Amino acid sequence: MRRTSVPLTLAALAALLTPLTTARADTAPEAVRTPVIFVHGYNADPGVWGSLRDDFKASGYTDGELFSWGYDTGKSVNEVLSGRFAAYVEEVRARTGAAKVDVVAHSFGSLVTRWYVKYGGGTGTVAHWASLAGPNHGTATAWACAAWSQACRDMTPGSYVQDGLAEGDETPGDVAHATWWSGCDEVINPDKSVLLDGAVNHAAGCLKHNDLLGDDGVSQGVRDFLGG
C-alpha cells in the first residue's frame, strides 16, 4: 500500500513546538541574589556570623553569595579600614559579577561600613545596609579603652569619625538603611545611639550586645529587609 504524505500545516507545527517552549520556561534559572557581606565588630572575627549565615543558607542563599570580611579592628575607621573595605567590596563584585552588594554589620563594623557608604563611593555599590547594635552616635563605654585603642577612640561620642558620620545626611544616596537596637545592650550607651535618621529602626527587645547576632527575630528581620 502506498503511503500518502500529509503537508505539515502551521497549526500542526505550532502544536509540536509549544511543549518545547513551555519546558524551557519551566526550567529557567532563578534570579541571582545580591551578594551579602557580613562585617564583624570590635575584637571579633568572621566566626561570629555562623548562626546568621546558616539562616541565610536555609533561606536559599548559597556560599557563593555570602561573604564575611575579616579585618584588624585596631585600625582607624576613616584612614585605613573604610579603604580596605572598599577594596573588598570590589573583590566581591568582581567574583560575583554583581553591580551592588548588601552589607550586614555588627557593632564597630557599622562605623567602618557607614564611612565607606558616605565617603568611599558606597552609595553606588551598596543596595542595603543593616546595622546590628552599631555605635552610630558613639558609646560612652568606649572611653574605657580609648587610651590605647584607635577603634575605641572612633567609637567615643564627639570623635572625628562620629562627627563626620553625623554631618549632613546620615543615610545618604539610594542605599536602604536599617538598624536593630536593644534596650538591654551593655555595650552601647545610650542604647538609642544605634538609631539613624532616614533608616528603618527596629527595637530588638531585651538582648545583650552579642545576642543580636543569634536572635531568631533579628535574623528574620534582616533577611526580610534585604529581600525587600
N, C-alpha and C. Protein backbone atom coordinates (compact mmCIF):
# COMPACT_ATOMS: atom_id res chain seq x y z
N MET A 1 0.87 -1.19 0.00
CA MET A 1 0.00 0.00 0.00
C MET A 1 0.90 1.23 0.00
N ARG A 2 0.58 2.17 -0.87
CA ARG A 2 1.39 3.38 -0.96
C ARG A 2 0.98 4.39 0.10
N ARG A 3 2.00 4.96 0.86
CA ARG A 3 1.71 5.96 1.88
C ARG A 3 1.53 7.33 1.23
N THR A 4 0.59 8.08 1.78
CA THR A 4 0.34 9.43 1.26
C THR A 4 0.91 10.44 2.25
N SER A 5 1.78 11.31 1.76
CA SER A 5 2.37 12.32 2.65
C SER A 5 1.34 13.39 2.95
N VAL A 6 1.37 13.84 4.21
CA VAL A 6 0.43 14.88 4.64
C VAL A 6 1.20 16.17 4.87
N PRO A 7 0.79 17.25 4.25
CA PRO A 7 1.51 18.53 4.44
C PRO A 7 1.46 18.96 5.91
N LEU A 8 2.57 19.51 6.43
CA LEU A 8 2.64 19.98 7.80
C LEU A 8 2.13 21.41 7.85
N THR A 9 0.94 21.58 8.37
CA THR A 9 0.33 22.91 8.41
C THR A 9 0.96 23.74 9.52
N LEU A 10 0.72 25.06 9.48
CA LEU A 10 1.25 25.95 10.51
C LEU A 10 0.68 25.61 11.88
N ALA A 11 -0.59 25.21 11.91
CA ALA A 11 -1.21 24.84 13.19
C ALA A 11 -0.55 23.62 13.80
N ALA A 12 -0.26 22.64 12.94
CA ALA A 12 0.38 21.43 13.43
C ALA A 12 1.80 21.72 13.92
N LEU A 13 2.51 22.59 13.17
CA LEU A 13 3.86 22.96 13.57
C LEU A 13 3.85 23.67 14.93
N ALA A 14 2.87 24.56 15.13
CA ALA A 14 2.77 25.27 16.41
C ALA A 14 2.50 24.31 17.55
N ALA A 15 1.66 23.30 17.29
CA ALA A 15 1.35 22.32 18.33
C ALA A 15 2.57 21.52 18.74
N LEU A 16 3.45 21.23 17.76
CA LEU A 16 4.67 20.49 18.07
C LEU A 16 5.66 21.32 18.86
N LEU A 17 5.73 22.61 18.56
CA LEU A 17 6.73 23.46 19.19
C LEU A 17 6.30 23.96 20.57
N THR A 18 5.02 24.04 20.83
CA THR A 18 4.54 24.61 22.10
C THR A 18 5.09 23.89 23.32
N PRO A 19 5.08 22.54 23.40
CA PRO A 19 5.63 21.87 24.59
C PRO A 19 7.09 22.20 24.84
N LEU A 20 7.88 22.36 23.73
CA LEU A 20 9.29 22.68 23.90
C LEU A 20 9.46 24.05 24.52
N THR A 21 8.67 25.01 24.07
CA THR A 21 8.75 26.36 24.61
C THR A 21 8.39 26.38 26.09
N THR A 22 7.35 25.64 26.45
CA THR A 22 6.91 25.58 27.84
C THR A 22 7.98 24.96 28.73
N ALA A 23 8.62 23.91 28.23
CA ALA A 23 9.65 23.22 29.01
C ALA A 23 10.81 24.15 29.32
N ARG A 24 11.20 24.96 28.32
CA ARG A 24 12.30 25.88 28.56
C ARG A 24 11.94 26.90 29.63
N ALA A 25 10.70 27.39 29.61
CA ALA A 25 10.27 28.38 30.61
C ALA A 25 10.26 27.77 32.01
N ASP A 26 9.84 26.48 32.10
CA ASP A 26 9.75 25.85 33.41
C ASP A 26 11.12 25.61 34.03
N THR A 27 12.16 25.50 33.22
CA THR A 27 13.49 25.19 33.74
C THR A 27 14.40 26.41 33.76
N ALA A 28 13.83 27.61 33.58
CA ALA A 28 14.64 28.83 33.59
C ALA A 28 15.27 29.00 34.97
N PRO A 29 16.54 29.45 35.05
CA PRO A 29 17.21 29.61 36.34
C PRO A 29 16.59 30.75 37.15
N GLU A 30 16.67 30.65 38.47
CA GLU A 30 16.16 31.69 39.34
C GLU A 30 17.06 32.93 39.26
N ALA A 31 16.48 34.07 39.57
CA ALA A 31 17.24 35.32 39.56
C ALA A 31 18.37 35.24 40.60
N VAL A 32 19.52 35.78 40.26
CA VAL A 32 20.66 35.76 41.16
C VAL A 32 20.45 36.78 42.27
N ARG A 33 20.71 36.39 43.51
CA ARG A 33 20.53 37.30 44.64
C ARG A 33 21.71 38.26 44.74
N THR A 34 21.46 39.39 45.38
CA THR A 34 22.54 40.33 45.68
C THR A 34 23.46 39.70 46.72
N PRO A 35 24.76 39.67 46.49
CA PRO A 35 25.66 39.08 47.50
C PRO A 35 25.65 39.88 48.79
N VAL A 36 25.84 39.17 49.89
CA VAL A 36 25.81 39.78 51.22
C VAL A 36 27.21 39.74 51.82
N ILE A 37 27.64 40.88 52.37
CA ILE A 37 28.91 40.95 53.09
C ILE A 37 28.63 41.19 54.56
N PHE A 38 29.09 40.28 55.42
CA PHE A 38 28.95 40.42 56.86
C PHE A 38 30.23 41.04 57.42
N VAL A 39 30.08 42.05 58.28
CA VAL A 39 31.24 42.76 58.85
C VAL A 39 31.14 42.74 60.37
N HIS A 40 32.08 42.07 61.02
CA HIS A 40 32.06 41.90 62.47
C HIS A 40 32.45 43.17 63.20
N GLY A 41 32.37 43.10 64.52
CA GLY A 41 32.66 44.26 65.36
C GLY A 41 34.03 44.21 66.01
N TYR A 42 34.21 45.06 67.01
CA TYR A 42 35.49 45.25 67.70
C TYR A 42 35.95 43.97 68.39
N ASN A 43 37.25 43.65 68.20
CA ASN A 43 37.86 42.48 68.83
C ASN A 43 37.13 41.18 68.51
N ALA A 44 36.56 41.09 67.33
CA ALA A 44 35.84 39.88 66.92
C ALA A 44 36.45 39.36 65.62
N ASP A 45 35.80 38.39 65.01
CA ASP A 45 36.27 37.83 63.75
C ASP A 45 35.07 37.30 62.98
N PRO A 46 35.26 36.88 61.72
CA PRO A 46 34.12 36.43 60.92
C PRO A 46 33.34 35.25 61.49
N GLY A 47 33.91 34.55 62.46
CA GLY A 47 33.22 33.41 63.04
C GLY A 47 31.93 33.76 63.76
N VAL A 48 31.77 35.05 64.12
CA VAL A 48 30.56 35.43 64.86
C VAL A 48 29.30 35.32 63.99
N TRP A 49 29.48 35.18 62.69
CA TRP A 49 28.33 35.17 61.78
C TRP A 49 27.80 33.78 61.49
N GLY A 50 28.30 32.76 62.18
CA GLY A 50 27.90 31.39 61.87
C GLY A 50 26.41 31.17 61.87
N SER A 51 25.72 31.61 62.92
CA SER A 51 24.29 31.40 63.04
C SER A 51 23.51 32.13 61.96
N LEU A 52 23.85 33.39 61.73
CA LEU A 52 23.13 34.16 60.73
C LEU A 52 23.39 33.65 59.31
N ARG A 53 24.62 33.24 59.05
CA ARG A 53 24.92 32.66 57.74
C ARG A 53 24.09 31.40 57.50
N ASP A 54 23.96 30.57 58.53
CA ASP A 54 23.15 29.36 58.40
C ASP A 54 21.70 29.72 58.08
N ASP A 55 21.19 30.77 58.71
CA ASP A 55 19.82 31.19 58.43
C ASP A 55 19.67 31.67 56.99
N PHE A 56 20.65 32.39 56.50
CA PHE A 56 20.61 32.85 55.11
C PHE A 56 20.64 31.66 54.14
N LYS A 57 21.46 30.67 54.45
CA LYS A 57 21.53 29.49 53.59
C LYS A 57 20.23 28.70 53.63
N ALA A 58 19.60 28.66 54.79
CA ALA A 58 18.30 27.98 54.89
C ALA A 58 17.23 28.72 54.09
N SER A 59 17.47 30.02 53.87
CA SER A 59 16.53 30.83 53.09
C SER A 59 16.81 30.77 51.58
N GLY A 60 17.84 30.01 51.20
CA GLY A 60 18.11 29.83 49.78
C GLY A 60 19.40 30.43 49.26
N TYR A 61 20.11 31.19 50.10
CA TYR A 61 21.39 31.74 49.67
C TYR A 61 22.43 30.62 49.56
N THR A 62 23.38 30.80 48.67
CA THR A 62 24.47 29.85 48.52
C THR A 62 25.74 30.42 49.14
N ASP A 63 26.74 29.57 49.33
CA ASP A 63 28.02 30.04 49.87
C ASP A 63 28.65 31.08 48.94
N GLY A 64 28.37 30.98 47.66
CA GLY A 64 28.91 31.93 46.70
C GLY A 64 28.25 33.29 46.73
N GLU A 65 27.21 33.42 47.55
CA GLU A 65 26.51 34.71 47.69
C GLU A 65 26.71 35.33 49.07
N LEU A 66 27.45 34.63 49.95
CA LEU A 66 27.65 35.08 51.32
C LEU A 66 29.15 35.27 51.59
N PHE A 67 29.52 36.43 52.08
CA PHE A 67 30.92 36.76 52.31
C PHE A 67 31.08 37.38 53.70
N SER A 68 32.16 37.04 54.38
CA SER A 68 32.46 37.60 55.70
C SER A 68 33.82 38.27 55.65
N TRP A 69 33.85 39.56 55.89
CA TRP A 69 35.10 40.32 55.83
C TRP A 69 35.77 40.32 57.19
N GLY A 70 37.02 39.88 57.23
CA GLY A 70 37.81 39.92 58.45
C GLY A 70 38.82 41.05 58.39
N TYR A 71 39.03 41.75 59.50
CA TYR A 71 39.92 42.92 59.48
C TYR A 71 40.46 43.20 60.88
N ASP A 72 41.50 44.03 60.93
CA ASP A 72 42.14 44.41 62.19
C ASP A 72 41.36 45.56 62.80
N THR A 73 40.64 45.30 63.88
CA THR A 73 39.78 46.32 64.47
C THR A 73 40.55 47.39 65.23
N GLY A 74 41.85 47.27 65.28
CA GLY A 74 42.65 48.29 65.96
C GLY A 74 42.99 49.47 65.08
N LYS A 75 42.63 49.43 63.81
CA LYS A 75 42.97 50.50 62.88
C LYS A 75 41.88 51.57 62.84
N SER A 76 42.21 52.68 62.20
CA SER A 76 41.30 53.81 62.12
C SER A 76 40.21 53.58 61.09
N VAL A 77 38.97 53.97 61.44
CA VAL A 77 37.83 53.82 60.53
C VAL A 77 38.06 54.57 59.23
N ASN A 78 38.35 55.86 59.32
CA ASN A 78 38.37 56.71 58.14
C ASN A 78 39.67 56.64 57.36
N GLU A 79 40.80 56.45 58.03
CA GLU A 79 42.08 56.49 57.35
C GLU A 79 42.52 55.15 56.78
N VAL A 80 42.05 54.05 57.35
CA VAL A 80 42.52 52.73 56.93
C VAL A 80 41.38 51.79 56.56
N LEU A 81 40.50 51.54 57.51
CA LEU A 81 39.55 50.43 57.36
C LEU A 81 38.52 50.65 56.26
N SER A 82 37.99 51.85 56.11
CA SER A 82 36.98 52.06 55.07
C SER A 82 37.57 51.83 53.69
N GLY A 83 38.84 52.17 53.51
CA GLY A 83 39.50 51.92 52.23
C GLY A 83 39.71 50.44 51.98
N ARG A 84 40.08 49.71 53.02
CA ARG A 84 40.25 48.26 52.87
C ARG A 84 38.90 47.59 52.59
N PHE A 85 37.86 48.10 53.22
CA PHE A 85 36.54 47.53 52.94
C PHE A 85 36.11 47.83 51.51
N ALA A 86 36.42 49.02 51.03
CA ALA A 86 36.10 49.36 49.64
C ALA A 86 36.76 48.38 48.67
N ALA A 87 38.00 48.02 48.94
CA ALA A 87 38.70 47.06 48.09
C ALA A 87 38.04 45.69 48.16
N TYR A 88 37.56 45.32 49.35
CA TYR A 88 36.89 44.03 49.49
C TYR A 88 35.57 44.01 48.73
N VAL A 89 34.84 45.11 48.78
CA VAL A 89 33.58 45.19 48.02
C VAL A 89 33.86 44.99 46.53
N GLU A 90 34.90 45.61 46.03
CA GLU A 90 35.24 45.46 44.61
C GLU A 90 35.62 44.02 44.29
N GLU A 91 36.29 43.36 45.23
CA GLU A 91 36.64 41.95 45.04
C GLU A 91 35.39 41.09 44.95
N VAL A 92 34.43 41.33 45.83
CA VAL A 92 33.19 40.56 45.81
C VAL A 92 32.41 40.83 44.52
N ARG A 93 32.36 42.07 44.11
CA ARG A 93 31.65 42.40 42.87
C ARG A 93 32.31 41.72 41.66
N ALA A 94 33.63 41.68 41.65
CA ALA A 94 34.34 41.04 40.55
C ALA A 94 34.10 39.53 40.55
N ARG A 95 34.08 38.92 41.72
CA ARG A 95 33.89 37.46 41.82
C ARG A 95 32.48 37.04 41.46
N THR A 96 31.50 37.89 41.79
CA THR A 96 30.10 37.51 41.58
C THR A 96 29.49 38.11 40.33
N GLY A 97 30.10 39.17 39.80
CA GLY A 97 29.51 39.86 38.66
C GLY A 97 28.36 40.78 39.05
N ALA A 98 28.16 40.96 40.35
CA ALA A 98 27.05 41.79 40.84
C ALA A 98 27.40 43.27 40.78
N ALA A 99 26.42 44.08 40.45
CA ALA A 99 26.63 45.53 40.42
C ALA A 99 26.68 46.10 41.83
N LYS A 100 25.90 45.50 42.75
CA LYS A 100 25.83 46.01 44.11
C LYS A 100 25.90 44.85 45.11
N VAL A 101 26.18 45.21 46.35
CA VAL A 101 26.21 44.24 47.45
C VAL A 101 25.28 44.71 48.55
N ASP A 102 24.89 43.79 49.43
CA ASP A 102 24.20 44.12 50.67
C ASP A 102 25.20 43.98 51.81
N VAL A 103 25.09 44.84 52.81
CA VAL A 103 26.03 44.84 53.94
C VAL A 103 25.27 44.64 55.24
N VAL A 104 25.74 43.69 56.06
CA VAL A 104 25.20 43.48 57.40
C VAL A 104 26.37 43.64 58.38
N ALA A 105 26.29 44.65 59.25
CA ALA A 105 27.40 44.96 60.14
C ALA A 105 26.96 44.87 61.59
N HIS A 106 27.90 44.45 62.44
CA HIS A 106 27.64 44.40 63.88
C HIS A 106 28.56 45.37 64.58
N SER A 107 28.02 46.13 65.54
CA SER A 107 28.80 46.97 66.43
C SER A 107 29.76 47.89 65.66
N PHE A 108 31.05 47.85 65.99
CA PHE A 108 32.05 48.73 65.36
C PHE A 108 32.05 48.62 63.84
N GLY A 109 31.70 47.46 63.31
CA GLY A 109 31.65 47.30 61.86
C GLY A 109 30.67 48.25 61.20
N SER A 110 29.70 48.74 61.96
CA SER A 110 28.75 49.71 61.43
C SER A 110 29.44 51.01 61.05
N LEU A 111 30.41 51.44 61.85
CA LEU A 111 31.12 52.69 61.56
C LEU A 111 31.98 52.56 60.31
N VAL A 112 32.69 51.44 60.20
CA VAL A 112 33.56 51.21 59.04
C VAL A 112 32.75 51.24 57.75
N THR A 113 31.64 50.53 57.75
CA THR A 113 30.85 50.42 56.53
C THR A 113 30.06 51.69 56.24
N ARG A 114 29.63 52.40 57.29
CA ARG A 114 28.95 53.68 57.07
C ARG A 114 29.89 54.69 56.44
N TRP A 115 31.14 54.71 56.90
CA TRP A 115 32.10 55.66 56.33
C TRP A 115 32.33 55.34 54.85
N TYR A 116 32.37 54.07 54.52
CA TYR A 116 32.52 53.69 53.11
C TYR A 116 31.32 54.14 52.30
N VAL A 117 30.12 53.93 52.83
CA VAL A 117 28.92 54.35 52.10
C VAL A 117 28.91 55.86 51.90
N LYS A 118 29.25 56.61 52.95
CA LYS A 118 29.12 58.07 52.90
C LYS A 118 30.27 58.76 52.17
N TYR A 119 31.49 58.26 52.37
CA TYR A 119 32.65 58.96 51.84
C TYR A 119 33.50 58.14 50.87
N GLY A 120 33.21 56.85 50.74
CA GLY A 120 34.08 55.99 49.92
C GLY A 120 33.46 55.49 48.64
N GLY A 121 32.35 56.05 48.22
CA GLY A 121 31.73 55.62 46.98
C GLY A 121 30.69 54.54 47.14
N GLY A 122 30.35 54.19 48.38
CA GLY A 122 29.42 53.10 48.61
C GLY A 122 27.98 53.37 48.22
N THR A 123 27.62 54.65 48.02
CA THR A 123 26.25 54.92 47.61
C THR A 123 25.95 54.33 46.23
N GLY A 124 26.99 54.03 45.48
CA GLY A 124 26.80 53.44 44.16
C GLY A 124 26.95 51.94 44.11
N THR A 125 27.44 51.34 45.21
CA THR A 125 27.73 49.91 45.20
C THR A 125 27.01 49.11 46.29
N VAL A 126 26.33 49.79 47.21
CA VAL A 126 25.61 49.12 48.29
C VAL A 126 24.11 49.30 48.08
N ALA A 127 23.39 48.18 48.07
CA ALA A 127 21.93 48.24 47.91
C ALA A 127 21.23 48.39 49.25
N HIS A 128 21.59 47.51 50.21
CA HIS A 128 21.01 47.53 51.55
C HIS A 128 22.14 47.55 52.57
N TRP A 129 21.96 48.33 53.64
CA TRP A 129 22.93 48.39 54.73
C TRP A 129 22.18 48.17 56.04
N ALA A 130 22.58 47.14 56.79
CA ALA A 130 21.92 46.79 58.04
C ALA A 130 22.92 46.84 59.19
N SER A 131 22.54 47.49 60.28
CA SER A 131 23.42 47.63 61.44
C SER A 131 22.79 46.96 62.66
N LEU A 132 23.52 46.04 63.25
CA LEU A 132 23.09 45.39 64.49
C LEU A 132 23.92 45.97 65.64
N ALA A 133 23.25 46.68 66.54
CA ALA A 133 23.92 47.24 67.73
C ALA A 133 25.13 48.09 67.37
N GLY A 134 24.99 48.93 66.38
CA GLY A 134 26.08 49.80 65.96
C GLY A 134 26.18 51.06 66.82
N PRO A 135 27.37 51.47 67.22
CA PRO A 135 27.54 52.71 67.99
C PRO A 135 27.48 53.92 67.06
N ASN A 136 26.34 54.09 66.40
CA ASN A 136 26.25 55.04 65.29
C ASN A 136 26.32 56.50 65.72
N HIS A 137 26.09 56.77 67.01
CA HIS A 137 26.30 58.11 67.53
C HIS A 137 27.26 58.08 68.71
N GLY A 138 28.06 57.03 68.77
CA GLY A 138 29.04 56.90 69.84
C GLY A 138 28.50 56.15 71.03
N THR A 139 29.40 55.64 71.84
CA THR A 139 29.02 54.96 73.07
C THR A 139 29.99 55.34 74.18
N ALA A 140 29.45 55.67 75.34
CA ALA A 140 30.28 56.10 76.46
C ALA A 140 31.20 55.00 76.97
N THR A 141 30.83 53.74 76.74
CA THR A 141 31.67 52.64 77.21
C THR A 141 33.02 52.60 76.49
N ALA A 142 33.11 53.23 75.34
CA ALA A 142 34.37 53.21 74.57
C ALA A 142 35.46 54.02 75.26
N TRP A 143 35.08 54.91 76.18
CA TRP A 143 36.11 55.67 76.89
C TRP A 143 37.01 54.74 77.70
N ALA A 144 36.52 53.57 78.06
CA ALA A 144 37.31 52.64 78.89
C ALA A 144 38.54 52.12 78.17
N CYS A 145 38.52 52.11 76.84
CA CYS A 145 39.67 51.59 76.09
C CYS A 145 40.24 52.62 75.12
N ALA A 146 39.75 53.85 75.19
CA ALA A 146 40.19 54.88 74.24
C ALA A 146 41.67 55.24 74.38
N ALA A 147 42.24 55.03 75.55
CA ALA A 147 43.64 55.42 75.77
C ALA A 147 44.60 54.62 74.90
N TRP A 148 44.27 53.37 74.58
CA TRP A 148 45.18 52.53 73.80
C TRP A 148 44.60 52.00 72.49
N SER A 149 43.32 52.24 72.22
CA SER A 149 42.70 51.67 71.03
C SER A 149 42.12 52.76 70.12
N GLN A 150 42.59 52.78 68.87
CA GLN A 150 42.05 53.73 67.90
C GLN A 150 40.57 53.47 67.63
N ALA A 151 40.21 52.19 67.57
CA ALA A 151 38.80 51.86 67.34
C ALA A 151 37.93 52.42 68.45
N CYS A 152 38.38 52.30 69.69
CA CYS A 152 37.60 52.84 70.80
C CYS A 152 37.50 54.36 70.72
N ARG A 153 38.59 55.01 70.32
CA ARG A 153 38.52 56.46 70.15
C ARG A 153 37.50 56.83 69.08
N ASP A 154 37.46 56.05 68.01
CA ASP A 154 36.48 56.32 66.95
C ASP A 154 35.05 56.13 67.43
N MET A 155 34.86 55.25 68.42
CA MET A 155 33.52 54.98 68.92
C MET A 155 33.06 55.95 70.00
N THR A 156 33.96 56.79 70.53
CA THR A 156 33.55 57.70 71.58
C THR A 156 32.70 58.83 71.02
N PRO A 157 31.72 59.30 71.78
CA PRO A 157 30.89 60.42 71.33
C PRO A 157 31.74 61.66 71.05
N GLY A 158 31.46 62.32 69.93
CA GLY A 158 32.19 63.53 69.59
C GLY A 158 33.52 63.31 68.90
N SER A 159 33.87 62.06 68.58
CA SER A 159 35.13 61.80 67.88
C SER A 159 35.05 62.32 66.44
N TYR A 160 36.20 62.39 65.78
CA TYR A 160 36.23 62.84 64.39
C TYR A 160 35.33 61.97 63.53
N VAL A 161 35.37 60.66 63.74
CA VAL A 161 34.55 59.73 62.97
C VAL A 161 33.07 59.97 63.24
N GLN A 162 32.71 60.11 64.51
CA GLN A 162 31.31 60.34 64.85
C GLN A 162 30.79 61.64 64.25
N ASP A 163 31.58 62.70 64.35
CA ASP A 163 31.16 63.98 63.79
C ASP A 163 31.03 63.91 62.27
N GLY A 164 31.95 63.20 61.64
CA GLY A 164 31.90 63.08 60.18
C GLY A 164 30.69 62.31 59.70
N LEU A 165 30.34 61.26 60.42
CA LEU A 165 29.18 60.45 60.03
C LEU A 165 27.87 61.15 60.32
N ALA A 166 27.85 62.01 61.34
CA ALA A 166 26.62 62.72 61.71
C ALA A 166 26.38 63.95 60.84
N GLU A 167 27.41 64.40 60.15
CA GLU A 167 27.29 65.62 59.35
C GLU A 167 26.37 65.39 58.14
N GLY A 168 25.42 66.30 57.96
CA GLY A 168 24.53 66.20 56.79
C GLY A 168 23.60 65.00 56.89
N ASP A 169 23.46 64.31 55.77
CA ASP A 169 22.55 63.17 55.68
C ASP A 169 23.17 61.93 56.31
N GLU A 170 22.49 61.36 57.31
CA GLU A 170 23.01 60.16 57.97
C GLU A 170 22.82 58.91 57.12
N THR A 171 21.91 58.94 56.18
CA THR A 171 21.63 57.78 55.33
C THR A 171 21.65 58.22 53.86
N PRO A 172 22.82 58.51 53.33
CA PRO A 172 22.91 59.15 52.01
C PRO A 172 22.62 58.21 50.83
N GLY A 173 22.30 58.85 49.72
CA GLY A 173 22.12 58.12 48.46
C GLY A 173 20.85 57.29 48.44
N ASP A 174 20.85 56.32 47.52
CA ASP A 174 19.70 55.43 47.37
C ASP A 174 19.86 54.14 48.18
N VAL A 175 20.83 54.10 49.06
CA VAL A 175 21.06 52.92 49.90
C VAL A 175 19.94 52.79 50.93
N ALA A 176 19.33 51.63 51.02
CA ALA A 176 18.32 51.38 52.06
C ALA A 176 19.04 51.07 53.36
N HIS A 177 18.72 51.82 54.41
CA HIS A 177 19.37 51.66 55.71
C HIS A 177 18.39 51.10 56.74
N ALA A 178 18.88 50.23 57.61
CA ALA A 178 18.07 49.71 58.71
C ALA A 178 18.97 49.43 59.91
N THR A 179 18.43 49.59 61.11
CA THR A 179 19.19 49.29 62.33
C THR A 179 18.35 48.42 63.26
N TRP A 180 19.05 47.69 64.12
CA TRP A 180 18.42 46.90 65.19
C TRP A 180 19.11 47.27 66.50
N TRP A 181 18.34 47.67 67.51
CA TRP A 181 18.92 48.09 68.78
C TRP A 181 18.19 47.40 69.94
N SER A 182 18.87 47.33 71.06
CA SER A 182 18.31 46.65 72.24
C SER A 182 18.33 47.57 73.44
N GLY A 183 17.26 47.52 74.22
CA GLY A 183 17.20 48.28 75.46
C GLY A 183 18.04 47.69 76.57
N CYS A 184 18.62 46.50 76.35
CA CYS A 184 19.45 45.84 77.36
C CYS A 184 20.90 45.68 76.89
N ASP A 185 21.30 46.48 75.91
CA ASP A 185 22.66 46.40 75.37
C ASP A 185 23.63 46.99 76.38
N GLU A 186 24.55 46.17 76.86
CA GLU A 186 25.51 46.60 77.88
C GLU A 186 26.72 47.33 77.29
N VAL A 187 26.84 47.34 75.96
CA VAL A 187 27.98 47.98 75.30
C VAL A 187 27.62 49.35 74.74
N ILE A 188 26.46 49.47 74.15
CA ILE A 188 26.05 50.74 73.54
C ILE A 188 25.33 51.59 74.58
N ASN A 189 25.92 52.73 74.89
CA ASN A 189 25.38 53.64 75.90
C ASN A 189 25.45 55.08 75.38
N PRO A 190 24.29 55.70 75.12
CA PRO A 190 22.93 55.21 75.37
C PRO A 190 22.50 54.18 74.31
N ASP A 191 21.49 53.39 74.64
CA ASP A 191 21.03 52.34 73.75
C ASP A 191 20.63 52.87 72.38
N LYS A 192 19.96 54.01 72.37
CA LYS A 192 19.41 54.54 71.12
C LYS A 192 20.45 55.25 70.26
N SER A 193 21.71 55.14 70.64
CA SER A 193 22.79 55.63 69.76
C SER A 193 22.77 54.91 68.42
N VAL A 194 22.18 53.72 68.41
CA VAL A 194 22.14 52.90 67.19
C VAL A 194 21.26 53.53 66.11
N LEU A 195 20.20 54.21 66.50
CA LEU A 195 19.20 54.70 65.55
C LEU A 195 19.74 55.79 64.63
N LEU A 196 19.29 55.78 63.39
CA LEU A 196 19.73 56.76 62.40
C LEU A 196 18.53 57.45 61.75
N ASP A 197 18.65 58.74 61.52
CA ASP A 197 17.62 59.45 60.77
C ASP A 197 17.61 58.95 59.33
N GLY A 198 16.42 58.59 58.85
CA GLY A 198 16.30 58.10 57.48
C GLY A 198 16.39 56.60 57.36
N ALA A 199 16.69 55.91 58.47
CA ALA A 199 16.75 54.45 58.46
C ALA A 199 15.47 53.86 59.02
N VAL A 200 15.24 52.58 58.74
CA VAL A 200 14.16 51.85 59.40
C VAL A 200 14.77 51.27 60.67
N ASN A 201 14.38 51.81 61.83
CA ASN A 201 14.98 51.43 63.10
C ASN A 201 14.09 50.44 63.84
N HIS A 202 14.68 49.29 64.20
CA HIS A 202 13.92 48.21 64.83
C HIS A 202 14.35 48.02 66.28
N ALA A 203 13.40 47.95 67.19
CA ALA A 203 13.68 47.59 68.58
C ALA A 203 13.73 46.06 68.67
N ALA A 204 14.86 45.53 69.11
CA ALA A 204 15.05 44.07 69.14
C ALA A 204 14.63 43.44 70.46
N GLY A 205 14.13 44.26 71.40
CA GLY A 205 13.76 43.71 72.70
C GLY A 205 14.92 43.79 73.67
N CYS A 206 14.88 42.97 74.70
CA CYS A 206 15.92 42.98 75.73
C CYS A 206 16.98 41.92 75.41
N LEU A 207 18.00 42.33 74.66
CA LEU A 207 19.07 41.42 74.25
C LEU A 207 20.42 42.01 74.60
N LYS A 208 21.34 41.17 75.01
CA LYS A 208 22.72 41.60 75.21
C LYS A 208 23.34 41.95 73.86
N HIS A 209 24.45 42.68 73.92
CA HIS A 209 25.08 43.20 72.71
C HIS A 209 25.34 42.13 71.65
N ASN A 210 25.96 41.03 72.07
CA ASN A 210 26.30 39.97 71.11
C ASN A 210 25.14 39.03 70.82
N ASP A 211 24.10 39.09 71.64
CA ASP A 211 22.96 38.20 71.42
C ASP A 211 22.16 38.58 70.19
N LEU A 212 22.31 39.81 69.71
CA LEU A 212 21.62 40.18 68.47
C LEU A 212 22.11 39.35 67.29
N LEU A 213 23.32 38.82 67.41
CA LEU A 213 23.89 38.04 66.31
C LEU A 213 23.19 36.70 66.11
N GLY A 214 22.59 36.17 67.17
CA GLY A 214 21.97 34.84 67.05
C GLY A 214 20.49 34.82 67.32
N ASP A 215 19.88 36.00 67.45
CA ASP A 215 18.46 36.05 67.76
C ASP A 215 17.61 35.75 66.53
N ASP A 216 16.61 34.89 66.68
CA ASP A 216 15.78 34.49 65.53
C ASP A 216 14.99 35.66 64.96
N GLY A 217 14.46 36.51 65.84
CA GLY A 217 13.68 37.64 65.36
C GLY A 217 14.52 38.63 64.58
N VAL A 218 15.72 38.92 65.08
CA VAL A 218 16.62 39.82 64.37
C VAL A 218 17.02 39.21 63.03
N SER A 219 17.33 37.94 63.04
CA SER A 219 17.72 37.24 61.81
C SER A 219 16.63 37.34 60.75
N GLN A 220 15.40 37.06 61.15
CA GLN A 220 14.30 37.13 60.20
C GLN A 220 14.09 38.55 59.69
N GLY A 221 14.23 39.51 60.60
CA GLY A 221 14.07 40.90 60.20
C GLY A 221 15.12 41.34 59.20
N VAL A 222 16.36 40.93 59.41
CA VAL A 222 17.43 41.29 58.49
C VAL A 222 17.19 40.66 57.11
N ARG A 223 16.80 39.39 57.11
CA ARG A 223 16.56 38.71 55.84
C ARG A 223 15.37 39.32 55.09
N ASP A 224 14.34 39.70 55.83
CA ASP A 224 13.20 40.36 55.20
C ASP A 224 13.61 41.71 54.61
N PHE A 225 14.44 42.44 55.35
CA PHE A 225 14.89 43.76 54.89
C PHE A 225 15.71 43.65 53.61
N LEU A 226 16.64 42.71 53.57
CA LEU A 226 17.46 42.54 52.37
C LEU A 226 16.65 42.05 51.18
N GLY A 227 15.57 41.34 51.46
CA GLY A 227 14.73 40.83 50.38
C GLY A 227 13.72 41.83 49.89
N GLY A 228 13.62 42.99 50.55
CA GLY A 228 12.61 43.98 50.20
C GLY A 228 13.00 44.85 49.02
